[in-house]
Amino acid sequence: MTLYGEPKGDVYRPLSTAKFGEALKLPAPFDLVIDTSEFPEA
């Protein structure tokens, strides 16, 4: 997964990446971690 942010025009910069099953950190103002290990596998 890739979290994109900090848009400049129509381009977004990747802020954080994680593989399925790893934690993905969301920066402020959310400042939380999403544990993807609990996501169902397709």
Protein backbone atom coordinates (compact mmCIF):
# COMPACT_ATOMS: atom_id res chain seq x y z
CA MET A 1 0.00 0.00 0.00
CA THR A 2 1.09 3.54 -0.60
CA LEU A 3 -0.13 6.62 1.20
CA TYR A 4 0.05 9.71 -1.01
CA GLY A 5 -0.14 13.34 0.08
CA GLU A 6 1.33 16.83 -0.21
CA PRO A 7 -0.25 17.57 -3.60
CA LYS A 8 1.37 20.02 -5.98
CA GLY A 9 -1.02 20.64 -8.83
CA ASP A 10 -2.19 17.19 -9.93
CA VAL A 11 0.87 15.34 -8.56
CA TYR A 12 0.91 13.66 -5.14
CA ARG A 13 4.05 12.57 -3.32
CA PRO A 14 4.29 9.10 -1.69
CA LEU A 15 4.44 9.60 2.09
CA SER A 16 4.51 6.03 3.37
CA THR A 17 4.48 2.49 1.98
CA ALA A 18 3.82 -0.92 3.50
CA LYS A 19 3.35 -4.47 2.29
CA PHE A 20 0.12 -6.34 2.97
CA GLY A 21 0.23 -7.52 6.58
CA GLU A 22 2.49 -4.70 7.74
CA ALA A 23 1.56 -1.53 9.60
CA LEU A 24 0.92 1.67 7.65
CA LYS A 25 1.54 4.92 9.55
CA LEU A 26 -0.64 7.92 8.83
CA PRO A 27 1.05 11.21 9.75
CA ALA A 28 -0.51 14.21 11.51
CA PRO A 29 -3.25 15.29 11.74
CA PHE A 30 -4.35 11.62 11.93
CA ASP A 31 -1.17 10.35 13.61
CA LEU A 32 -2.21 6.71 13.75
CA VAL A 33 -1.07 3.31 12.55
CA ILE A 34 -3.27 0.99 10.49
CA ASP A 35 -2.52 -2.68 11.19
CA THR A 36 -3.14 -4.40 7.86
CA SER A 37 -2.47 -7.88 9.23
CA GLU A 38 -6.16 -8.02 10.15
CA PHE A 39 -7.38 -7.25 6.61
CA PRO A 40 -9.04 -10.22 4.88
CA GLU A 41 -7.10 -11.81 2.05
CA ALA A 42 -8.82 -11.88 -1.32
